[in-house]
Amino acid sequence: MSATDIISTNAENTVAAVLNQDSASTENRLASNDSGSINWGLFTDSSGNIAYNAGNNSTNRIQRISPANWDNNQHLIFFSCSLTYQQIAIDGTVWISDNSQVTISGSSTVLRIGKQFSHYQGGTVQEFVLYNTDESSNRTGIESNINDYYSIY
């Protein structure tokens, strides 16, 4: 299976992850297609903003200031995307959503967890679930199931 089997041009995908982000690390990468340009990625920038990049330019990116600037605690992060809706939820609460049109033009067949280019994930990832569909309508059920195991919030 390659990245194009999961991250396709129909832009539908969902990630649910449990992680403990190291607050001392900058520009962390939870996952990416690791192509020459950022066509799909989940990352934090050097200011500590968490971003879900579902395209190859900033118009297809949603971002939000991270919880307590990554407080070295375990968090449940939920990202979902379709052609017309994207969201980031942290610890059971939607922090940001957007209804703009999204297209993914990447052709990379590489899917990286914990890396993009020369940037890596700082901290630990306890769980990483990737769907090739938009699971935003199932968000609360997926989060409840994961939180029942990890007791994050």
Protein backbone atom coordinates (compact mmCIF):
# COMPACT_ATOMS: atom_id res chain seq x y z
CA MET A 1 0.00 0.00 0.00
CA SER A 2 1.33 3.45 -0.86
CA ALA A 3 0.48 6.96 0.29
CA THR A 4 -1.69 7.47 -2.81
CA ASP A 5 -3.93 4.62 -1.65
CA ILE A 6 -4.64 6.55 1.55
CA ILE A 7 -4.08 10.22 0.70
CA SER A 8 -5.88 10.60 -2.59
CA THR A 9 -6.87 13.56 -4.72
CA ASN A 10 -10.46 13.33 -3.46
CA ALA A 11 -8.98 14.86 -0.28
CA GLU A 12 -10.89 12.56 2.06
CA ASN A 13 -8.85 11.37 5.01
CA THR A 14 -8.93 11.28 8.78
CA VAL A 15 -6.22 10.86 11.40
CA ALA A 16 -6.75 10.13 15.07
CA ALA A 17 -3.54 10.16 17.10
CA VAL A 18 -2.50 10.02 20.72
CA LEU A 19 0.74 11.84 21.31
CA ASN A 20 2.87 13.57 23.87
CA GLN A 21 4.48 16.50 22.08
CA ASP A 22 7.83 17.62 23.48
CA SER A 23 7.44 21.36 24.16
CA ALA A 24 11.15 21.92 23.55
CA SER A 25 10.90 20.63 19.97
CA THR A 26 9.95 22.90 17.10
CA GLU A 27 8.58 22.11 13.68
CA ASN A 28 7.46 18.61 14.62
CA ARG A 29 6.00 16.31 12.01
CA LEU A 30 3.34 13.82 12.99
CA ALA A 31 2.83 12.55 9.42
CA SER A 32 3.38 13.59 5.82
CA ASN A 33 3.59 12.38 2.26
CA ASP A 34 7.22 13.57 2.39
CA SER A 35 7.17 14.93 -1.15
CA GLY A 36 9.14 17.84 -2.56
CA SER A 37 6.36 20.19 -1.47
CA ILE A 38 3.98 19.82 1.45
CA ASN A 39 0.96 18.27 -0.25
CA TRP A 40 -0.35 16.55 2.86
CA GLY A 41 0.95 16.82 6.37
CA LEU A 42 0.21 17.09 10.07
CA PHE A 43 2.76 19.20 11.86
CA THR A 44 3.59 21.99 14.26
CA ASP A 45 5.42 25.05 13.05
CA SER A 46 8.23 26.91 14.79
CA SER A 47 5.64 29.01 16.69
CA GLY A 48 3.94 25.93 18.15
CA ASN A 49 0.85 26.12 15.90
CA ILE A 50 -0.61 22.78 14.96
CA ALA A 51 -1.44 22.60 11.26
CA TYR A 52 -3.29 20.22 9.00
CA ASN A 53 -2.08 20.77 5.46
CA ALA A 54 -4.39 19.19 2.92
CA GLY A 55 -2.91 20.67 -0.21
CA ASN A 56 0.19 22.18 -1.68
CA ASN A 57 -0.36 25.80 -0.66
CA SER A 58 -1.42 27.79 2.37
CA THR A 59 -5.02 28.18 1.15
CA ASN A 60 -5.56 24.48 1.85
CA ARG A 61 -4.13 24.66 5.36
CA ILE A 62 -5.90 25.06 8.65
CA GLN A 63 -3.94 25.74 11.79
CA ARG A 64 -4.52 26.50 15.41
CA ILE A 65 -2.34 27.43 18.34
CA SER A 66 -1.50 24.21 20.11
CA PRO A 67 -2.90 23.29 23.53
CA ALA A 68 -0.92 25.13 26.19
CA ASN A 69 1.96 25.39 23.70
CA TRP A 70 2.50 21.66 23.93
CA ASP A 71 2.59 21.16 27.63
CA ASN A 72 4.38 17.79 27.64
CA ASN A 73 1.09 16.01 28.37
CA GLN A 74 -0.68 13.31 26.40
CA HIS A 75 -3.29 14.62 23.91
CA LEU A 76 -5.78 13.07 21.51
CA ILE A 77 -5.58 14.84 18.16
CA PHE A 78 -8.27 14.34 15.50
CA PHE A 79 -7.90 15.67 11.95
CA SER A 80 -10.43 15.16 9.18
CA CYS A 81 -10.72 16.40 5.64
CA SER A 82 -13.08 16.21 2.69
CA LEU A 83 -13.32 18.25 -0.49
CA THR A 84 -15.31 20.92 1.37
CA TYR A 85 -14.67 20.53 5.12
CA GLN A 86 -11.60 20.27 7.33
CA GLN A 87 -11.26 20.22 11.11
CA ILE A 88 -8.79 19.87 13.95
CA ALA A 89 -10.06 18.59 17.29
CA ILE A 90 -7.89 18.26 20.38
CA ASP A 91 -8.96 16.30 23.45
CA GLY A 92 -12.56 16.02 22.28
CA THR A 93 -13.05 19.68 21.33
CA VAL A 94 -13.06 21.06 17.77
CA TRP A 95 -10.50 23.86 17.80
CA ILE A 96 -10.83 24.96 14.21
CA SER A 97 -12.78 24.04 11.09
CA ASP A 98 -12.98 25.38 7.57
CA ASN A 99 -15.35 24.95 4.63
CA SER A 100 -12.99 25.89 1.79
CA GLN A 101 -12.45 23.73 -1.27
CA VAL A 102 -9.49 21.38 -0.91
CA THR A 103 -7.54 19.48 -3.53
CA ILE A 104 -4.47 17.36 -3.03
CA SER A 105 -2.12 17.40 -5.97
CA GLY A 106 0.69 15.32 -4.56
CA SER A 107 1.85 12.24 -6.34
CA SER A 108 4.27 10.96 -3.69
CA THR A 109 3.86 7.31 -2.86
CA VAL A 110 5.73 7.70 0.43
CA LEU A 111 3.83 8.04 3.68
CA ARG A 112 5.91 8.99 6.71
CA ILE A 113 4.82 8.84 10.33
CA GLY A 114 6.96 11.03 12.56
CA LYS A 115 8.92 12.69 9.74
CA GLN A 116 8.86 15.13 6.85
CA PHE A 117 11.98 16.23 5.02
CA SER A 118 14.58 16.80 7.77
CA HIS A 119 12.00 17.42 10.52
CA TYR A 120 10.96 14.73 12.97
CA GLN A 121 8.35 14.23 15.66
CA GLY A 122 9.63 15.32 19.07
CA GLY A 123 7.94 13.32 21.79
CA THR A 124 6.03 10.06 21.64
CA VAL A 125 3.14 8.78 19.55
CA GLN A 126 1.13 6.10 21.34
CA GLU A 127 -1.51 5.57 18.65
CA PHE A 128 -1.90 6.61 15.02
CA VAL A 129 -5.04 5.69 13.07
CA LEU A 130 -5.41 6.80 9.44
CA TYR A 131 -8.63 6.47 7.43
CA ASN A 132 -8.88 7.12 3.69
CA THR A 133 -12.36 8.58 4.28
CA ASP A 134 -13.77 11.65 6.00
CA GLU A 135 -14.79 10.40 9.45
CA SER A 136 -15.87 13.79 10.84
CA SER A 137 -19.41 12.50 11.41
CA ASN A 138 -17.94 9.70 13.56
CA ARG A 139 -15.48 11.93 15.43
CA THR A 140 -17.06 11.70 18.89
CA GLY A 141 -17.37 7.92 18.70
CA ILE A 142 -13.77 7.46 17.55
CA GLU A 143 -12.51 9.86 20.23
CA SER A 144 -14.58 8.19 22.95
CA ASN A 145 -13.23 4.78 21.99
CA ILE A 146 -9.63 5.99 22.11
CA ASN A 147 -10.13 8.02 25.28
CA ASP A 148 -11.73 5.02 27.03
CA TYR A 149 -8.37 3.27 26.65
CA TYR A 150 -5.98 6.16 27.38
CA SER A 151 -8.08 8.29 29.81
CA ILE A 152 -6.70 11.55 28.40
CA TYR A 153 -9.58 13.89 29.26
